[in-house]
PDB file of all heavy atoms in Angstrom:
ATOM      1  N   PRO A   1     -10.852  -2.923  -1.490  1.00  0.00           N
ATOM      2  CA  PRO A   1      -9.464  -3.333  -1.150  1.00  0.00           C
ATOM      3  C   PRO A   1      -8.669  -3.903  -2.281  1.00  0.00           C
ATOM      4  O   PRO A   1      -7.448  -3.974  -2.191  1.00  0.00           O
ATOM      5  CB  PRO A   1      -9.704  -4.397  -0.051  1.00  0.00           C
ATOM      6  CG  PRO A   1     -11.030  -4.060   0.547  1.00  0.00           C
ATOM      7  CD  PRO A   1     -11.831  -3.536  -0.596  1.00  0.00           C
ATOM      8  N   GLU A   2      -9.312  -4.310  -3.393  1.00  0.00           N
ATOM      9  CA  GLU A   2      -8.582  -4.797  -4.561  1.00  0.00           C
ATOM     10  C   GLU A   2      -8.296  -3.686  -5.590  1.00  0.00           C
ATOM     11  O   GLU A   2      -7.934  -3.969  -6.717  1.00  0.00           O
ATOM     12  CB  GLU A   2      -9.338  -5.939  -5.244  1.00  0.00           C
ATOM     13  CG  GLU A   2      -9.270  -7.260  -4.522  1.00  0.00           C
ATOM     14  CD  GLU A   2     -10.106  -7.263  -3.244  1.00  0.00           C
ATOM     15  OE1 GLU A   2     -11.165  -6.594  -3.246  1.00  0.00           O
ATOM     16  OE2 GLU A   2      -9.702  -7.943  -2.276  1.00  0.00           O
ATOM     17  N   MET A   3      -8.482  -2.465  -5.159  1.00  0.00           N
ATOM     18  CA  MET A   3      -8.227  -1.291  -5.982  1.00  0.00           C
ATOM     19  C   MET A   3      -9.214  -1.141  -7.134  1.00  0.00           C
ATOM     20  O   MET A   3      -8.964  -0.449  -8.112  1.00  0.00           O
ATOM     21  CB  MET A   3      -6.769  -1.276  -6.554  1.00  0.00           C
ATOM     22  CG  MET A   3      -5.705  -1.247  -5.495  1.00  0.00           C
ATOM     23  SD  MET A   3      -5.784   0.251  -4.533  1.00  0.00           S
ATOM     24  CE  MET A   3      -4.574  -0.076  -3.276  1.00  0.00           C
ATOM     25  N   ARG A   4     -10.331  -1.814  -7.061  1.00  0.00           N
ATOM     26  CA  ARG A   4     -11.359  -1.680  -8.116  1.00  0.00           C
ATOM     27  C   ARG A   4     -12.293  -0.507  -7.787  1.00  0.00           C
ATOM     28  O   ARG A   4     -12.615  -0.275  -6.638  1.00  0.00           O
ATOM     29  CB  ARG A   4     -12.159  -2.978  -8.267  1.00  0.00           C
ATOM     30  CG  ARG A   4     -11.362  -4.134  -8.798  1.00  0.00           C
ATOM     31  CD  ARG A   4     -12.294  -5.288  -9.160  1.00  0.00           C
ATOM     32  NE  ARG A   4     -12.975  -5.785  -8.008  1.00  0.00           N
ATOM     33  CZ  ARG A   4     -12.612  -6.838  -7.283  1.00  0.00           C
ATOM     34  NH1 ARG A   4     -11.505  -7.505  -7.646  1.00  0.00           N
ATOM     35  NH2 ARG A   4     -13.281  -7.241  -6.242  1.00  0.00           N
ATOM     36  N   ILE A   5     -12.709   0.190  -8.807  1.00  0.00           N
ATOM     37  CA  ILE A   5     -13.612   1.349  -8.663  1.00  0.00           C
ATOM     38  C   ILE A   5     -15.029   0.850  -8.399  1.00  0.00           C
ATOM     39  O   ILE A   5     -15.585   0.097  -9.222  1.00  0.00           O
ATOM     40  CB  ILE A   5     -13.540   2.252  -9.864  1.00  0.00           C
ATOM     41  CG1 ILE A   5     -12.136   2.747 -10.117  1.00  0.00           C
ATOM     42  CG2 ILE A   5     -14.526   3.430  -9.700  1.00  0.00           C
ATOM     43  CD1 ILE A   5     -11.964   3.539 -11.371  1.00  0.00           C
ATOM     44  N   ILE A   6     -15.596   1.235  -7.268  1.00  0.00           N
ATOM     45  CA  ILE A   6     -16.978   0.851  -6.939  1.00  0.00           C
ATOM     46  C   ILE A   6     -17.976   1.946  -7.341  1.00  0.00           C
ATOM     47  O   ILE A   6     -19.050   1.662  -7.847  1.00  0.00           O
ATOM     48  CB  ILE A   6     -17.125   0.546  -5.445  1.00  0.00           C
ATOM     49  CG1 ILE A   6     -16.160  -0.604  -5.046  1.00  0.00           C
ATOM     50  CG2 ILE A   6     -18.537   0.184  -5.080  1.00  0.00           C
ATOM     51  CD1 ILE A   6     -16.189  -0.889  -3.557  1.00  0.00           C
ATOM     52  N   LEU A   7     -17.532   3.195  -7.145  1.00  0.00           N
ATOM     53  CA  LEU A   7     -18.442   4.325  -7.409  1.00  0.00           C
ATOM     54  C   LEU A   7     -17.592   5.500  -7.862  1.00  0.00           C
ATOM     55  O   LEU A   7     -16.506   5.740  -7.361  1.00  0.00           O
ATOM     56  CB  LEU A   7     -19.203   4.692  -6.127  1.00  0.00           C
ATOM     57  CG  LEU A   7     -20.119   5.933  -6.179  1.00  0.00           C
ATOM     58  CD1 LEU A   7     -21.269   5.670  -7.123  1.00  0.00           C
ATOM     59  CD2 LEU A   7     -20.617   6.306  -4.805  1.00  0.00           C
ATOM     60  N   ALA A   8     -18.113   6.232  -8.880  1.00  0.00           N
ATOM     61  CA  ALA A   8     -17.441   7.444  -9.366  1.00  0.00           C
ATOM     62  C   ALA A   8     -18.542   8.399  -9.836  1.00  0.00           C
ATOM     63  O   ALA A   8     -19.346   8.050 -10.721  1.00  0.00           O
ATOM     64  CB  ALA A   8     -16.481   7.127 -10.483  1.00  0.00           C
ATOM     65  N   ASN A   9     -18.604   9.580  -9.238  1.00  0.00           N
ATOM     66  CA  ASN A   9     -19.644  10.546  -9.615  1.00  0.00           C
ATOM     67  C   ASN A   9     -19.270  11.268 -10.913  1.00  0.00           C
ATOM     68  O   ASN A   9     -18.114  11.207 -11.359  1.00  0.00           O
ATOM     69  CB  ASN A   9     -19.923  11.514  -8.470  1.00  0.00           C
ATOM     70  CG  ASN A   9     -18.774  12.475  -8.232  1.00  0.00           C
ATOM     71  OD1 ASN A   9     -17.672  12.250  -8.736  1.00  0.00           O
ATOM     72  ND2 ASN A   9     -19.010  13.510  -7.491  1.00  0.00           N
ATOM     73  N   PRO A  10     -20.190  11.985 -11.526  1.00  0.00           N
ATOM     74  CA  PRO A  10     -19.904  12.636 -12.818  1.00  0.00           C
ATOM     75  C   PRO A  10     -18.753  13.621 -12.754  1.00  0.00           C
ATOM     76  O   PRO A  10     -18.011  13.769 -13.729  1.00  0.00           O
ATOM     77  CB  PRO A  10     -21.249  13.345 -13.174  1.00  0.00           C
ATOM     78  CG  PRO A  10     -22.291  12.542 -12.456  1.00  0.00           C
ATOM     79  CD  PRO A  10     -21.640  12.083 -11.186  1.00  0.00           C
ATOM     80  N   THR A  11     -18.588  14.295 -11.620  1.00  0.00           N
ATOM     81  CA  THR A  11     -17.509  15.268 -11.514  1.00  0.00           C
ATOM     82  C   THR A  11     -16.168  14.592 -11.607  1.00  0.00           C
ATOM     83  O   THR A  11     -15.241  15.067 -12.290  1.00  0.00           O
ATOM     84  CB  THR A  11     -17.613  16.024 -10.174  1.00  0.00           C
ATOM     85  OG1 THR A  11     -18.887  16.643 -10.048  1.00  0.00           O
ATOM     86  CG2 THR A  11     -16.525  17.099 -10.072  1.00  0.00           C
ATOM     87  N   ALA A  12     -16.009  13.432 -10.937  1.00  0.00           N
ATOM     88  CA  ALA A  12     -14.742  12.707 -11.012  1.00  0.00           C
ATOM     89  C   ALA A  12     -14.490  12.195 -12.420  1.00  0.00           C
ATOM     90  O   ALA A  12     -13.362  12.284 -12.935  1.00  0.00           O
ATOM     91  CB  ALA A  12     -14.761  11.541 -10.046  1.00  0.00           C
ATOM     92  N   ARG A  13     -15.533  11.687 -13.094  1.00  0.00           N
ATOM     93  CA  ARG A  13     -15.358  11.224 -14.461  1.00  0.00           C
ATOM     94  C   ARG A  13     -14.984  12.361 -15.386  1.00  0.00           C
ATOM     95  O   ARG A  13     -14.190  12.212 -16.324  1.00  0.00           O
ATOM     96  CB  ARG A  13     -16.642  10.536 -14.943  1.00  0.00           C
ATOM     97  CG  ARG A  13     -16.949   9.247 -14.201  1.00  0.00           C
ATOM     98  CD  ARG A  13     -17.983   8.421 -14.951  1.00  0.00           C
ATOM     99  NE  ARG A  13     -19.264   9.085 -15.007  1.00  0.00           N
ATOM    100  CZ  ARG A  13     -20.222   8.927 -14.140  1.00  0.00           C
ATOM    101  NH1 ARG A  13     -20.093   8.121 -13.113  1.00  0.00           N
ATOM    102  NH2 ARG A  13     -21.403   9.591 -14.292  1.00  0.00           N
ATOM    103  N   ASN A  14     -15.531  13.544 -15.153  1.00  0.00           N
ATOM    104  CA  ASN A  14     -15.222  14.698 -15.988  1.00  0.00           C
ATOM    105  C   ASN A  14     -13.789  15.188 -15.750  1.00  0.00           C
ATOM    106  O   ASN A  14     -13.087  15.556 -16.697  1.00  0.00           O
ATOM    107  CB  ASN A  14     -16.218  15.833 -15.680  1.00  0.00           C
ATOM    108  CG  ASN A  14     -15.953  17.046 -16.531  1.00  0.00           C
ATOM    109  OD1 ASN A  14     -15.937  16.980 -17.770  1.00  0.00           O
ATOM    110  ND2 ASN A  14     -15.733  18.190 -15.892  1.00  0.00           N
ATOM    111  N   ILE A  15     -13.348  15.212 -14.485  1.00  0.00           N
ATOM    112  CA  ILE A  15     -11.998  15.634 -14.195  1.00  0.00           C
ATOM    113  C   ILE A  15     -10.956  14.759 -14.868  1.00  0.00           C
ATOM    114  O   ILE A  15      -9.956  15.228 -15.445  1.00  0.00           O
ATOM    115  CB  ILE A  15     -11.760  15.676 -12.674  1.00  0.00           C
ATOM    116  CG1 ILE A  15     -12.589  16.789 -12.026  1.00  0.00           C
ATOM    117  CG2 ILE A  15     -10.279  15.882 -12.335  1.00  0.00           C
ATOM    118  CD1 ILE A  15     -12.528  16.832 -10.511  1.00  0.00           C
ATOM    119  N   PHE A  16     -11.194  13.434 -14.840  1.00  0.00           N
ATOM    120  CA  PHE A  16     -10.225  12.515 -15.417  1.00  0.00           C
ATOM    121  C   PHE A  16     -10.520  12.166 -16.871  1.00  0.00           C
ATOM    122  O   PHE A  16      -9.797  11.399 -17.474  1.00  0.00           O
ATOM    123  CB  PHE A  16     -10.172  11.232 -14.582  1.00  0.00           C
ATOM    124  CG  PHE A  16      -9.700  11.438 -13.191  1.00  0.00           C
ATOM    125  CD1 PHE A  16     -10.432  11.002 -12.107  1.00  0.00           C
ATOM    126  CD2 PHE A  16      -8.487  12.066 -12.946  1.00  0.00           C
ATOM    127  CE1 PHE A  16      -9.986  11.185 -10.818  1.00  0.00           C
ATOM    128  CE2 PHE A  16      -8.030  12.270 -11.652  1.00  0.00           C
ATOM    129  CZ  PHE A  16      -8.796  11.855 -10.587  1.00  0.00           C
ATOM    130  N   GLY A  17     -11.590  12.734 -17.433  1.00  0.00           N
ATOM    131  CA  GLY A  17     -11.893  12.509 -18.859  1.00  0.00           C
ATOM    132  C   GLY A  17     -12.312  11.101 -19.184  1.00  0.00           C
ATOM    133  O   GLY A  17     -11.932  10.561 -20.219  1.00  0.00           O
ATOM    134  N   TRP A  18     -13.035  10.437 -18.268  1.00  0.00           N
ATOM    135  CA  TRP A  18     -13.479   9.057 -18.482  1.00  0.00           C
ATOM    136  C   TRP A  18     -14.735   9.046 -19.324  1.00  0.00           C
ATOM    137  O   TRP A  18     -15.831   9.355 -18.813  1.00  0.00           O
ATOM    138  CB  TRP A  18     -13.726   8.354 -17.166  1.00  0.00           C
ATOM    139  CG  TRP A  18     -12.455   8.137 -16.365  1.00  0.00           C
ATOM    140  CD1 TRP A  18     -11.189   8.237 -16.799  1.00  0.00           C
ATOM    141  CD2 TRP A  18     -12.364   7.811 -14.982  1.00  0.00           C
ATOM    142  NE1 TRP A  18     -10.291   7.987 -15.813  1.00  0.00           N
ATOM    143  CE2 TRP A  18     -10.977   7.738 -14.656  1.00  0.00           C
ATOM    144  CE3 TRP A  18     -13.306   7.586 -13.970  1.00  0.00           C
ATOM    145  CZ2 TRP A  18     -10.538   7.426 -13.369  1.00  0.00           C
ATOM    146  CZ3 TRP A  18     -12.842   7.291 -12.698  1.00  0.00           C
ATOM    147  CH2 TRP A  18     -11.493   7.196 -12.407  1.00  0.00           C
ATOM    148  N   GLU A  19     -14.622   8.750 -20.570  1.00  0.00           N
ATOM    149  CA  GLU A  19     -15.803   8.675 -21.439  1.00  0.00           C
ATOM    150  C   GLU A  19     -16.517   7.343 -21.254  1.00  0.00           C
ATOM    151  O   GLU A  19     -17.730   7.272 -21.337  1.00  0.00           O
ATOM    152  CB  GLU A  19     -15.387   8.861 -22.894  1.00  0.00           C
ATOM    153  CG  GLU A  19     -14.768  10.243 -23.169  1.00  0.00           C
ATOM    154  CD  GLU A  19     -14.375  10.386 -24.623  1.00  0.00           C
ATOM    155  OE1 GLU A  19     -14.509   9.394 -25.374  1.00  0.00           O
ATOM    156  OE2 GLU A  19     -13.909  11.483 -25.008  1.00  0.00           O
ATOM    157  N   LYS A  20     -15.727   6.260 -21.061  1.00  0.00           N
ATOM    158  CA  LYS A  20     -16.328   4.946 -20.861  1.00  0.00           C
ATOM    159  C   LYS A  20     -16.514   4.671 -19.376  1.00  0.00           C
ATOM    160  O   LYS A  20     -15.863   5.274 -18.512  1.00  0.00           O
ATOM    161  CB  LYS A  20     -15.450   3.854 -21.481  1.00  0.00           C
ATOM    162  CG  LYS A  20     -15.295   3.989 -22.995  1.00  0.00           C
ATOM    163  CD  LYS A  20     -14.435   2.883 -23.538  1.00  0.00           C
ATOM    164  CE  LYS A  20     -14.273   2.975 -25.036  1.00  0.00           C
ATOM    165  NZ  LYS A  20     -13.425   1.892 -25.581  1.00  0.00           N
ATOM    166  N   GLU A  21     -17.416   3.743 -19.058  1.00  0.00           N
ATOM    167  CA  GLU A  21     -17.678   3.393 -17.684  1.00  0.00           C
ATOM    168  C   GLU A  21     -16.422   2.757 -17.050  1.00  0.00           C
ATOM    169  O   GLU A  21     -15.814   1.863 -17.649  1.00  0.00           O
ATOM    170  CB  GLU A  21     -18.848   2.417 -17.595  1.00  0.00           C
ATOM    171  CG  GLU A  21     -19.268   2.089 -16.180  1.00  0.00           C
ATOM    172  CD  GLU A  21     -19.752   3.303 -15.420  1.00  0.00           C
ATOM    173  OE1 GLU A  21     -20.556   4.053 -15.993  1.00  0.00           O
ATOM    174  OE2 GLU A  21     -19.338   3.492 -14.281  1.00  0.00           O
ATOM    175  N   ALA A  22     -16.067   3.212 -15.853  1.00  0.00           N
ATOM    176  CA  ALA A  22     -14.837   2.736 -15.191  1.00  0.00           C
ATOM    177  C   ALA A  22     -15.140   1.849 -14.004  1.00  0.00           C
ATOM    178  O   ALA A  22     -14.231   1.387 -13.349  1.00  0.00           O
ATOM    179  CB  ALA A  22     -14.001   3.923 -14.741  1.00  0.00           C
ATOM    180  N   ILE A  23     -16.421   1.614 -13.701  1.00  0.00           N
ATOM    181  CA  ILE A  23     -16.784   0.772 -12.567  1.00  0.00           C
ATOM    182  C   ILE A  23     -16.243  -0.636 -12.744  1.00  0.00           C
ATOM    183  O   ILE A  23     -16.412  -1.255 -13.807  1.00  0.00           O
ATOM    184  CB  ILE A  23     -18.276   0.743 -12.361  1.00  0.00           C
ATOM    185  CG1 ILE A  23     -18.843   2.167 -12.201  1.00  0.00           C
ATOM    186  CG2 ILE A  23     -18.669  -0.108 -11.154  1.00  0.00           C
ATOM    187  CD1 ILE A  23     -18.275   2.905 -11.053  1.00  0.00           C
ATOM    188  N   GLY A  24     -15.584  -1.135 -11.693  1.00  0.00           N
ATOM    189  CA  GLY A  24     -15.040  -2.513 -11.730  1.00  0.00           C
ATOM    190  C   GLY A  24     -13.610  -2.583 -12.221  1.00  0.00           C
ATOM    191  O   GLY A  24     -12.967  -3.630 -12.114  1.00  0.00           O
ATOM    192  N   GLU A  25     -13.063  -1.486 -12.764  1.00  0.00           N
ATOM    193  CA  GLU A  25     -11.685  -1.506 -13.245  1.00  0.00           C
ATOM    194  C   GLU A  25     -10.705  -1.032 -12.152  1.00  0.00           C
ATOM    195  O   GLU A  25     -11.114  -0.384 -11.191  1.00  0.00           O
ATOM    196  CB  GLU A  25     -11.538  -0.611 -14.493  1.00  0.00           C
ATOM    197  CG  GLU A  25     -12.369  -1.069 -15.662  1.00  0.00           C
ATOM    198  CD  GLU A  25     -12.041  -0.277 -16.909  1.00  0.00           C
ATOM    199  OE1 GLU A  25     -10.943   0.310 -16.969  1.00  0.00           O
ATOM    200  OE2 GLU A  25     -12.902  -0.210 -17.814  1.00  0.00           O
ATOM    201  N   ASN A  26      -9.452  -1.376 -12.326  1.00  0.00           N
ATOM    202  CA  ASN A  26      -8.416  -0.966 -11.379  1.00  0.00           C
ATOM    203  C   ASN A  26      -8.205   0.543 -11.473  1.00  0.00           C
ATOM    204  O   ASN A  26      -7.973   1.061 -12.568  1.00  0.00           O
ATOM    205  CB  ASN A  26      -7.109  -1.725 -11.641  1.00  0.00           C
ATOM    206  CG  ASN A  26      -6.116  -1.547 -10.525  1.00  0.00           C
ATOM    207  OD1 ASN A  26      -5.718  -0.426 -10.178  1.00  0.00           O
ATOM    208  ND2 ASN A  26      -5.664  -2.660  -9.967  1.00  0.00           N
ATOM    209  N   VAL A  27      -8.311   1.215 -10.359  1.00  0.00           N
ATOM    210  CA  VAL A  27      -8.214   2.679 -10.359  1.00  0.00           C
ATOM    211  C   VAL A  27      -6.856   3.163 -10.863  1.00  0.00           C
ATOM    212  O   VAL A  27      -6.728   4.196 -11.503  1.00  0.00           O
ATOM    213  CB  VAL A  27      -8.530   3.239  -8.968  1.00  0.00           C
ATOM    214  CG1 VAL A  27      -7.432   2.842  -7.968  1.00  0.00           C
ATOM    215  CG2 VAL A  27      -8.676   4.746  -9.002  1.00  0.00           C
ATOM    216  N   LEU A  28      -5.777   2.374 -10.573  1.00  0.00           N
ATOM    217  CA  LEU A  28      -4.454   2.796 -10.982  1.00  0.00           C
ATOM    218  C   LEU A  28      -4.264   2.705 -12.480  1.00  0.00           C
ATOM    219  O   LEU A  28      -3.338   3.308 -13.025  1.00  0.00           O
ATOM    220  CB  LEU A  28      -3.385   1.938 -10.283  1.00  0.00           C
ATOM    221  CG  LEU A  28      -3.370   2.048  -8.735  1.00  0.00           C
ATOM    222  CD1 LEU A  28      -2.337   1.108  -8.154  1.00  0.00           C
ATOM    223  CD2 LEU A  28      -3.090   3.480  -8.320  1.00  0.00           C
ATOM    224  N   HIS A  29      -5.127   1.931 -13.165  1.00  0.00           N
ATOM    225  CA  HIS A  29      -5.044   1.826 -14.600  1.00  0.00           C
ATOM    226  C   HIS A  29      -5.831   2.952 -15.312  1.00  0.00           C
ATOM    227  O   HIS A  29      -5.650   3.129 -16.520  1.00  0.00           O
ATOM    228  CB  HIS A  29      -5.607   0.459 -15.075  1.00  0.00           C
ATOM    229  CG  HIS A  29      -4.810  -0.690 -14.575  1.00  0.00           C
ATOM    230  ND1 HIS A  29      -5.290  -2.005 -14.590  1.00  0.00           N
ATOM    231  CD2 HIS A  29      -3.581  -0.741 -13.993  1.00  0.00           C
ATOM    232  CE1 HIS A  29      -4.371  -2.795 -14.071  1.00  0.00           C
ATOM    233  NE2 HIS A  29      -3.339  -2.069 -13.700  1.00  0.00           N
ATOM    234  N   ARG A  30      -6.663   3.662 -14.587  1.00  0.00           N
ATOM    235  CA  ARG A  30      -7.494   4.696 -15.208  1.00  0.00           C
ATOM    236  C   ARG A  30      -7.075   6.114 -14.840  1.00  0.00           C
ATOM    237  O   ARG A  30      -7.481   7.065 -15.499  1.00  0.00           O
ATOM    238  CB  ARG A  30      -8.961   4.489 -14.787  1.00  0.00           C
ATOM    239  CG  ARG A  30      -9.600   3.185 -15.259  1.00  0.00           C
ATOM    240  CD  ARG A  30      -9.527   3.023 -16.770  1.00  0.00           C
ATOM    241  NE  ARG A  30     -10.178   4.092 -17.473  1.00  0.00           N
ATOM    242  CZ  ARG A  30     -11.432   4.071 -17.828  1.00  0.00           C
ATOM    243  NH1 ARG A  30     -12.167   3.026 -17.563  1.00  0.00           N
ATOM    244  NH2 ARG A  30     -11.997   5.102 -18.451  1.00  0.00           N
ATOM    245  N   LEU A  31      -6.294   6.266 -13.798  1.00  0.00           N
ATOM    246  CA  LEU A  31      -5.861   7.609 -13.381  1.00  0.00           C
ATOM    247  C   LEU A  31      -4.771   8.113 -14.296  1.00  0.00           C
ATOM    248  O   LEU A  31      -4.058   7.323 -14.943  1.00  0.00           O
ATOM    249  CB  LEU A  31      -5.328   7.577 -11.941  1.00  0.00           C
ATOM    250  CG  LEU A  31      -6.336   7.288 -10.846  1.00  0.00           C
ATOM    251  CD1 LEU A  31      -5.665   7.228  -9.495  1.00  0.00           C
ATOM    252  CD2 LEU A  31      -7.439   8.370 -10.823  1.00  0.00           C
ATOM    253  N   PRO A  32      -4.586   9.420 -14.426  1.00  0.00           N
ATOM    254  CA  PRO A  32      -3.455   9.965 -15.192  1.00  0.00           C
ATOM    255  C   PRO A  32      -2.127   9.460 -14.644  1.00  0.00           C
ATOM    256  O   PRO A  32      -2.022   9.155 -13.435  1.00  0.00           O
ATOM    257  CB  PRO A  32      -3.616  11.484 -15.023  1.00  0.00           C
ATOM    258  CG  PRO A  32      -5.054  11.687 -14.709  1.00  0.00           C
ATOM    259  CD  PRO A  32      -5.500  10.488 -13.962  1.00  0.00           C
ATOM    260  N   SER A  33      -1.115   9.351 -15.503  1.00  0.00           N
ATOM    261  CA  SER A  33       0.136   8.785 -15.117  1.00  0.00           C
ATOM    262  C   SER A  33       0.780   9.528 -13.938  1.00  0.00           C
ATOM    263  O   SER A  33       1.358   8.891 -13.040  1.00  0.00           O
ATOM    264  CB  SER A  33       1.088   8.753 -16.310  1.00  0.00           C
ATOM    265  OG  SER A  33       1.290  10.071 -16.822  1.00  0.00           O
ATOM    266  N   GLU A  34       0.688  10.863 -13.944  1.00  0.00           N
ATOM    267  CA  GLU A  34       1.304  11.616 -12.828  1.00  0.00           C
ATOM    268  C   GLU A  34       0.624  11.266 -11.512  1.00  0.00           C
ATOM    269  O   GLU A  34       1.323  11.088 -10.491  1.00  0.00           O
ATOM    270  CB  GLU A  34       1.136  13.130 -13.088  1.00  0.00           C
ATOM    271  CG  GLU A  34       1.724  13.618 -14.402  1.00  0.00           C
ATOM    272  CD  GLU A  34       0.688  13.650 -15.498  1.00  0.00           C
ATOM    273  OE1 GLU A  34      -0.330  12.948 -15.355  1.00  0.00           O
ATOM    274  OE2 GLU A  34       0.914  14.335 -16.501  1.00  0.00           O
ATOM    275  N   LEU A  35      -0.682  11.103 -11.512  1.00  0.00           N
ATOM    276  CA  LEU A  35      -1.405  10.796 -10.298  1.00  0.00           C
ATOM    277  C   LEU A  35      -1.174   9.337  -9.889  1.00  0.00           C
ATOM    278  O   LEU A  35      -1.103   9.013  -8.675  1.00  0.00           O
ATOM    279  CB  LEU A  35      -2.885  11.069 -10.508  1.00  0.00           C
ATOM    280  CG  LEU A  35      -3.743  11.145  -9.212  1.00  0.00           C
ATOM    281  CD1 LEU A  35      -3.195  12.201  -8.255  1.00  0.00           C
ATOM    282  CD2 LEU A  35      -5.182  11.417  -9.558  1.00  0.00           C
ATOM    283  N   THR A  36      -1.031   8.451 -10.861  1.00  0.00           N
ATOM    284  CA  THR A  36      -0.773   7.048 -10.561  1.00  0.00           C
ATOM    285  C   THR A  36       0.541   6.881  -9.813  1.00  0.00           C
ATOM    286  O   THR A  36       0.645   6.162  -8.830  1.00  0.00           O
ATOM    287  CB  THR A  36      -0.759   6.201 -11.849  1.00  0.00           C
ATOM    288  OG1 THR A  36      -2.052   6.319 -12.498  1.00  0.00           O
ATOM    289  CG2 THR A  36      -0.505   4.741 -11.545  1.00  0.00           C
ATOM    290  N   VAL A  37       1.577   7.557 -10.317  1.00  0.00           N
ATOM    291  CA  VAL A  37       2.895   7.483  -9.645  1.00  0.00           C
ATOM    292  C   VAL A  37       2.792   8.035  -8.225  1.00  0.00           C
ATOM    293  O   VAL A  37       3.410   7.489  -7.303  1.00  0.00           O
ATOM    294  CB  VAL A  37       3.940   8.280 -10.473  1.00  0.00           C
ATOM    295  CG1 VAL A  37       5.255   8.373  -9.736  1.00  0.00           C
ATOM    296  CG2 VAL A  37       4.139   7.642 -11.839  1.00  0.00           C
ATOM    297  N   LYS A  38       2.012   9.063  -8.039  1.00  0.00           N
ATOM    298  CA  LYS A  38       1.912   9.725  -6.742  1.00  0.00           C
ATOM    299  C   LYS A  38       1.121   8.873  -5.743  1.00  0.00           C
ATOM    300  O   LYS A  38       1.412   8.855  -4.530  1.00  0.00           O
ATOM    301  CB  LYS A  38       1.269  11.084  -6.876  1.00  0.00           C
ATOM    302  CG  LYS A  38       1.312  11.958  -5.669  1.00  0.00           C
ATOM    303  CD  LYS A  38       2.655  12.582  -5.436  1.00  0.00           C
ATOM    304  CE  LYS A  38       2.620  13.599  -4.326  1.00  0.00           C
ATOM    305  NZ  LYS A  38       3.948  14.224  -4.096  1.00  0.00           N
ATOM    306  N   LEU A  39       0.079   8.150  -6.201  1.00  0.00           N
ATOM    307  CA  LEU A  39      -0.873   7.521  -5.292  1.00  0.00           C
ATOM    308  C   LEU A  39      -0.640   6.033  -5.118  1.00  0.00           C
ATOM    309  O   LEU A  39      -1.271   5.437  -4.213  1.00  0.00           O
ATOM    310  CB  LEU A  39      -2.296   7.768  -5.776  1.00  0.00           C
ATOM    311  CG  LEU A  39      -2.789   9.184  -5.814  1.00  0.00           C
ATOM    312  CD1 LEU A  39      -4.255   9.218  -6.241  1.00  0.00           C
ATOM    313  CD2 LEU A  39      -2.630   9.866  -4.476  1.00  0.00           C
ATOM    314  N   THR A  40       0.169   5.393  -5.945  1.00  0.00           N
ATOM    315  CA  THR A  40       0.297   3.920  -5.876  1.00  0.00           C
ATOM    316  C   THR A  40       0.742   3.465  -4.501  1.00  0.00           C
ATOM    317  O   THR A  40       0.108   2.616  -3.834  1.00  0.00           O
ATOM    318  CB  THR A  40       1.288   3.437  -6.935  1.00  0.00           C
ATOM    319  OG1 THR A  40       0.791   3.760  -8.246  1.00  0.00           O
ATOM    320  CG2 THR A  40       1.474   1.928  -6.845  1.00  0.00           C
TER     321      THR A  40
END
């Protein structure tokens, strides 16, 4: 509920190009800008 990433499988990390671990970070800060605007 705080928008933090709890789980992300390899396919999701590959689609968004996440080389570093994103667990615990705000999802809106890691998504592409186009998707962030659409999903916020």
